[in-house]
Amino acid sequence: MKDPQVIYEDNHLLLLNKPSGWLVQGDKTGDKTLTDWGRAYIKRKYNKPGDVFLHPTHRLDRPVSGITVFARTSKALERMNKLFREDKVQKTYLAVVGNKPPAQSGKLVHWLYKDTKKNMVKAYNKPMGSAKEAELEYDLLGNDDGHSLLKVMPKTGRPHQIRVQLATMKTRIKGDLKYGYPEANPDKSIHLHAFQISFVHPVQKELVTYTCTPKWHEFKHQIDGLGR
């Protein structure tokens, strides 16, 4: 696996570019996590004695890459958690999908139910039992060789939300076998990347925006243009 990269850091926050394949937090596999890497980085760079306080403020699925925000203090963690709870964090993803969506831009609303035993999510078109409402918007940025580049703006933060909602349009994310793409990527990644995040800094109280472009060979020209 590739090593993470530091996107931004100050006394309160650490933003990392998570490569596909890394866990954000530990699970039953016992594999090394992005949180472990971040703590070791801070300990080494700042010569910190003892345990390092570093906690993720949100998660990305293991095969997803991109911006991940960590809090370096309990105050920053509490305030970032509040921003996420109140939907005051704007996230933008890039996705390469099979097929072309039905419109240049659109909004998807579903009710999602997670089967924890199978670690899969099912999308319904109407309220259903304990399923939770999920909403996203998308823009089509380009088409090439049977694939499309989408900009995706989730309005909620449900598990596997983007993956399952895009699959309902038959625009399945490249490499995402779990949600019906026919073929795996060689490195087991999927073409879904957390590209941009905006929020009011928890301590400095000013609006900040951070961007991190994926290193895909597909749609390289369009993606490089977005990062300028």
Protein backbone atom coordinates (compact mmCIF):
# COMPACT_ATOMS: atom_id res chain seq x y z
CA MET A 1 0.00 0.00 0.00
CA LYS A 2 1.05 3.57 -0.61
CA ASP A 3 1.90 5.78 2.36
CA PRO A 4 -0.49 8.57 3.38
CA GLN A 5 0.39 12.19 2.63
CA VAL A 6 -0.04 15.24 4.83
CA ILE A 7 -2.35 17.79 3.21
CA TYR A 8 -2.49 20.33 6.06
CA GLU A 9 -1.59 20.54 9.73
CA ASP A 10 -1.75 23.02 12.58
CA ASN A 11 -1.95 22.73 16.37
CA HIS A 12 -5.59 21.62 16.16
CA LEU A 13 -6.05 19.59 12.96
CA LEU A 14 -4.21 17.11 10.77
CA LEU A 15 -5.54 16.40 7.27
CA LEU A 16 -4.23 13.31 5.49
CA ASN A 17 -4.64 11.97 1.98
CA LYS A 18 -5.73 8.39 2.68
CA PRO A 19 -4.59 5.90 0.05
CA SER A 20 -7.01 3.16 -0.91
CA GLY A 21 -6.60 0.07 1.25
CA TRP A 22 -5.97 1.87 4.55
CA LEU A 23 -8.42 1.61 7.43
CA VAL A 24 -9.18 4.90 9.17
CA GLN A 25 -9.72 3.13 12.50
CA GLY A 26 -8.97 -0.39 13.70
CA ASP A 27 -11.22 -3.37 13.06
CA LYS A 28 -11.11 -7.13 13.61
CA THR A 29 -8.34 -7.54 11.00
CA GLY A 30 -5.82 -5.82 13.28
CA ASP A 31 -4.32 -4.08 10.23
CA LYS A 32 -2.39 -0.85 10.68
CA THR A 33 -4.62 2.21 10.44
CA LEU A 34 -4.43 5.78 9.21
CA THR A 35 -4.85 6.87 12.83
CA ASP A 36 -1.77 4.83 13.81
CA TRP A 37 0.20 6.42 10.98
CA GLY A 38 -0.88 9.93 12.00
CA ARG A 39 0.06 9.41 15.64
CA ALA A 40 3.48 8.05 14.67
CA TYR A 41 3.98 11.02 12.32
CA ILE A 42 3.21 13.58 15.04
CA LYS A 43 5.29 11.73 17.63
CA ARG A 44 8.27 11.63 15.26
CA LYS A 45 8.00 15.17 13.87
CA TYR A 46 7.40 16.94 17.18
CA ASN A 47 9.33 14.53 19.41
CA LYS A 48 6.24 14.00 21.56
CA PRO A 49 6.66 11.87 24.69
CA GLY A 50 3.97 9.37 25.68
CA ASP A 51 0.67 8.88 23.87
CA VAL A 52 -0.33 11.27 21.10
CA PHE A 53 -3.92 12.58 21.01
CA LEU A 54 -5.24 12.15 17.47
CA HIS A 55 -8.77 11.13 16.55
CA PRO A 56 -10.59 10.96 13.19
CA THR A 57 -13.61 13.24 12.84
CA HIS A 58 -15.18 11.10 10.08
CA ARG A 59 -14.42 7.92 8.14
CA LEU A 60 -13.80 6.79 4.59
CA ASP A 61 -14.45 3.22 3.45
CA ARG A 62 -11.29 1.13 3.16
CA PRO A 63 -11.15 1.08 -0.68
CA VAL A 64 -11.87 4.84 -0.91
CA SER A 65 -9.06 7.41 -1.07
CA GLY A 66 -8.78 11.09 -0.23
CA ILE A 67 -9.05 13.76 2.43
CA THR A 68 -9.48 12.59 6.01
CA VAL A 69 -9.67 15.09 8.88
CA PHE A 70 -8.18 14.33 12.30
CA ALA A 71 -8.43 16.37 15.50
CA ARG A 72 -5.25 16.93 17.50
CA THR A 73 -7.01 18.20 20.64
CA SER A 74 -10.16 17.24 22.52
CA LYS A 75 -11.56 20.74 21.93
CA ALA A 76 -11.06 20.47 18.17
CA LEU A 77 -12.59 16.97 18.18
CA GLU A 78 -15.69 18.12 20.05
CA ARG A 79 -16.19 21.09 17.73
CA MET A 80 -15.58 19.12 14.54
CA ASN A 81 -18.02 16.42 15.68
CA LYS A 82 -20.61 19.16 16.22
CA LEU A 83 -20.02 20.54 12.70
CA PHE A 84 -20.55 17.09 11.19
CA ARG A 85 -23.68 16.45 13.30
CA GLU A 86 -25.16 19.77 12.18
CA ASP A 87 -24.32 19.15 8.49
CA LYS A 88 -21.99 22.15 8.41
CA VAL A 89 -19.20 20.33 6.59
CA GLN A 90 -19.33 20.40 2.78
CA LYS A 91 -17.71 17.37 1.14
CA THR A 92 -17.06 16.81 -2.55
CA TYR A 93 -16.00 13.49 -4.07
CA LEU A 94 -14.83 12.47 -7.52
CA ALA A 95 -15.93 9.15 -8.99
CA VAL A 96 -15.23 7.27 -12.20
CA VAL A 97 -18.26 5.16 -13.05
CA GLY A 98 -19.38 2.76 -15.74
CA ASN A 99 -22.00 4.10 -18.15
CA LYS A 100 -23.37 7.64 -18.32
CA PRO A 101 -25.87 9.07 -15.82
CA PRO A 102 -29.36 9.93 -17.11
CA ALA A 103 -28.77 13.69 -16.73
CA GLN A 104 -25.91 16.20 -16.74
CA SER A 105 -26.65 16.84 -13.07
CA GLY A 106 -29.13 15.49 -10.59
CA LYS A 107 -30.19 14.70 -7.05
CA LEU A 108 -30.66 11.22 -5.59
CA VAL A 109 -32.76 10.52 -2.50
CA HIS A 110 -32.98 7.02 -1.05
CA TRP A 111 -33.53 5.24 2.24
CA LEU A 112 -30.55 3.06 3.08
CA TYR A 113 -30.49 -0.09 5.18
CA LYS A 114 -27.17 -1.65 6.18
CA ASP A 115 -26.87 -5.42 6.50
CA THR A 116 -24.09 -5.58 9.10
CA LYS A 117 -23.52 -9.32 8.60
CA LYS A 118 -22.82 -8.88 4.88
CA ASN A 119 -21.38 -5.34 5.28
CA MET A 120 -23.59 -4.19 2.43
CA VAL A 121 -26.17 -1.44 2.06
CA LYS A 122 -29.49 -1.65 0.20
CA ALA A 123 -31.21 1.44 -1.22
CA TYR A 124 -34.99 1.90 -1.22
CA ASN A 125 -37.00 4.54 -3.08
CA LYS A 126 -39.30 5.17 -0.11
CA PRO A 127 -39.14 4.98 3.71
CA MET A 128 -38.65 1.38 4.81
CA GLY A 129 -38.42 0.17 8.42
CA SER A 130 -35.19 1.34 10.05
CA ALA A 131 -33.65 2.53 6.76
CA LYS A 132 -32.15 6.03 6.96
CA GLU A 133 -32.69 8.80 4.45
CA ALA A 134 -29.71 9.63 2.24
CA GLU A 135 -29.30 12.43 -0.28
CA LEU A 136 -26.60 13.41 -2.75
CA GLU A 137 -26.17 15.64 -5.78
CA TYR A 138 -23.94 14.94 -8.77
CA ASP A 139 -22.54 16.70 -11.84
CA LEU A 140 -21.23 14.96 -14.94
CA LEU A 141 -17.73 16.29 -15.72
CA GLY A 142 -16.76 14.10 -18.67
CA ASN A 143 -17.16 10.89 -20.68
CA ASP A 144 -14.47 8.66 -22.14
CA ASP A 145 -14.24 5.04 -23.30
CA GLY A 146 -17.50 3.92 -21.68
CA HIS A 147 -16.81 5.64 -18.36
CA SER A 148 -17.96 8.91 -16.81
CA LEU A 149 -16.31 11.29 -14.36
CA LEU A 150 -18.72 12.55 -11.72
CA LYS A 151 -18.46 15.21 -9.05
CA VAL A 152 -20.55 14.01 -6.10
CA MET A 153 -21.79 16.14 -3.18
CA PRO A 154 -23.34 14.02 -0.40
CA LYS A 155 -25.79 15.90 1.80
CA THR A 156 -25.84 13.11 4.39
CA GLY A 157 -23.09 10.81 5.64
CA ARG A 158 -24.46 7.27 5.51
CA PRO A 159 -22.23 4.16 5.25
CA HIS A 160 -21.47 3.24 1.60
CA GLN A 161 -23.89 6.02 0.58
CA ILE A 162 -22.24 7.21 -2.63
CA ARG A 163 -21.40 3.68 -3.73
CA VAL A 164 -24.92 2.30 -3.41
CA GLN A 165 -26.77 5.41 -4.59
CA LEU A 166 -24.73 5.71 -7.79
CA ALA A 167 -25.31 2.00 -8.42
CA THR A 168 -29.08 2.64 -8.51
CA MET A 169 -28.51 4.63 -11.75
CA LYS A 170 -26.46 1.74 -13.24
CA THR A 171 -23.43 4.04 -12.90
CA ARG A 172 -21.39 1.73 -10.69
CA ILE A 173 -18.03 2.95 -9.41
CA LYS A 174 -15.07 1.51 -11.29
CA GLY A 175 -13.59 -1.42 -9.36
CA ASP A 176 -16.45 -1.64 -6.84
CA LEU A 177 -17.35 -5.33 -7.03
CA LYS A 178 -19.47 -5.07 -3.88
CA TYR A 179 -21.98 -2.84 -5.68
CA GLY A 180 -21.97 -4.49 -9.06
CA TYR A 181 -19.03 -3.21 -11.11
CA PRO A 182 -18.01 -6.23 -13.22
CA GLU A 183 -14.26 -6.13 -12.71
CA ALA A 184 -11.84 -5.35 -9.86
CA ASN A 185 -9.05 -2.80 -10.07
CA PRO A 186 -5.63 -4.50 -9.91
CA ASP A 187 -4.87 -2.90 -6.51
CA LYS A 188 -8.40 -3.58 -5.14
CA SER A 189 -9.10 0.15 -4.96
CA ILE A 190 -12.30 1.75 -6.21
CA HIS A 191 -12.45 4.98 -8.20
CA LEU A 192 -14.02 7.08 -5.44
CA HIS A 193 -11.94 9.89 -3.94
CA ALA A 194 -12.69 12.48 -1.24
CA PHE A 195 -11.58 15.49 -3.28
CA GLN A 196 -12.54 18.59 -1.31
CA ILE A 197 -13.79 19.57 2.14
CA SER A 198 -14.96 22.94 3.51
CA PHE A 199 -15.85 23.93 7.06
CA VAL A 200 -15.37 26.68 9.63
CA HIS A 201 -12.09 25.97 11.42
CA PRO A 202 -12.94 24.78 14.96
CA VAL A 203 -10.52 27.21 16.64
CA GLN A 204 -9.60 29.91 14.11
CA LYS A 205 -13.31 30.37 13.25
CA GLU A 206 -12.72 31.09 9.57
CA LEU A 207 -14.01 29.18 6.55
CA VAL A 208 -11.35 26.85 5.19
CA THR A 209 -11.31 24.66 2.08
CA TYR A 210 -8.84 21.86 1.36
CA THR A 211 -8.42 20.02 -1.93
CA CYS A 212 -6.61 16.82 -2.87
CA THR A 213 -6.73 15.36 -6.40
CA PRO A 214 -6.62 11.61 -7.11
CA LYS A 215 -3.77 10.07 -9.11
CA TRP A 216 -5.95 8.30 -11.67
CA HIS A 217 -4.90 7.95 -15.30
CA GLU A 218 -8.55 8.19 -16.37
CA PHE A 219 -9.75 11.78 -16.93
CA LYS A 220 -6.34 13.11 -15.89
CA HIS A 221 -6.73 16.38 -17.83
CA GLN A 222 -10.12 17.21 -16.29
CA ILE A 223 -8.97 16.27 -12.78
CA ASP A 224 -5.77 18.30 -13.02
CA GLY A 225 -7.88 21.29 -14.06
CA LEU A 226 -10.07 20.92 -10.98
CA GLY A 227 -7.03 21.04 -8.71
CA ARG A 228 -5.76 24.39 -9.99
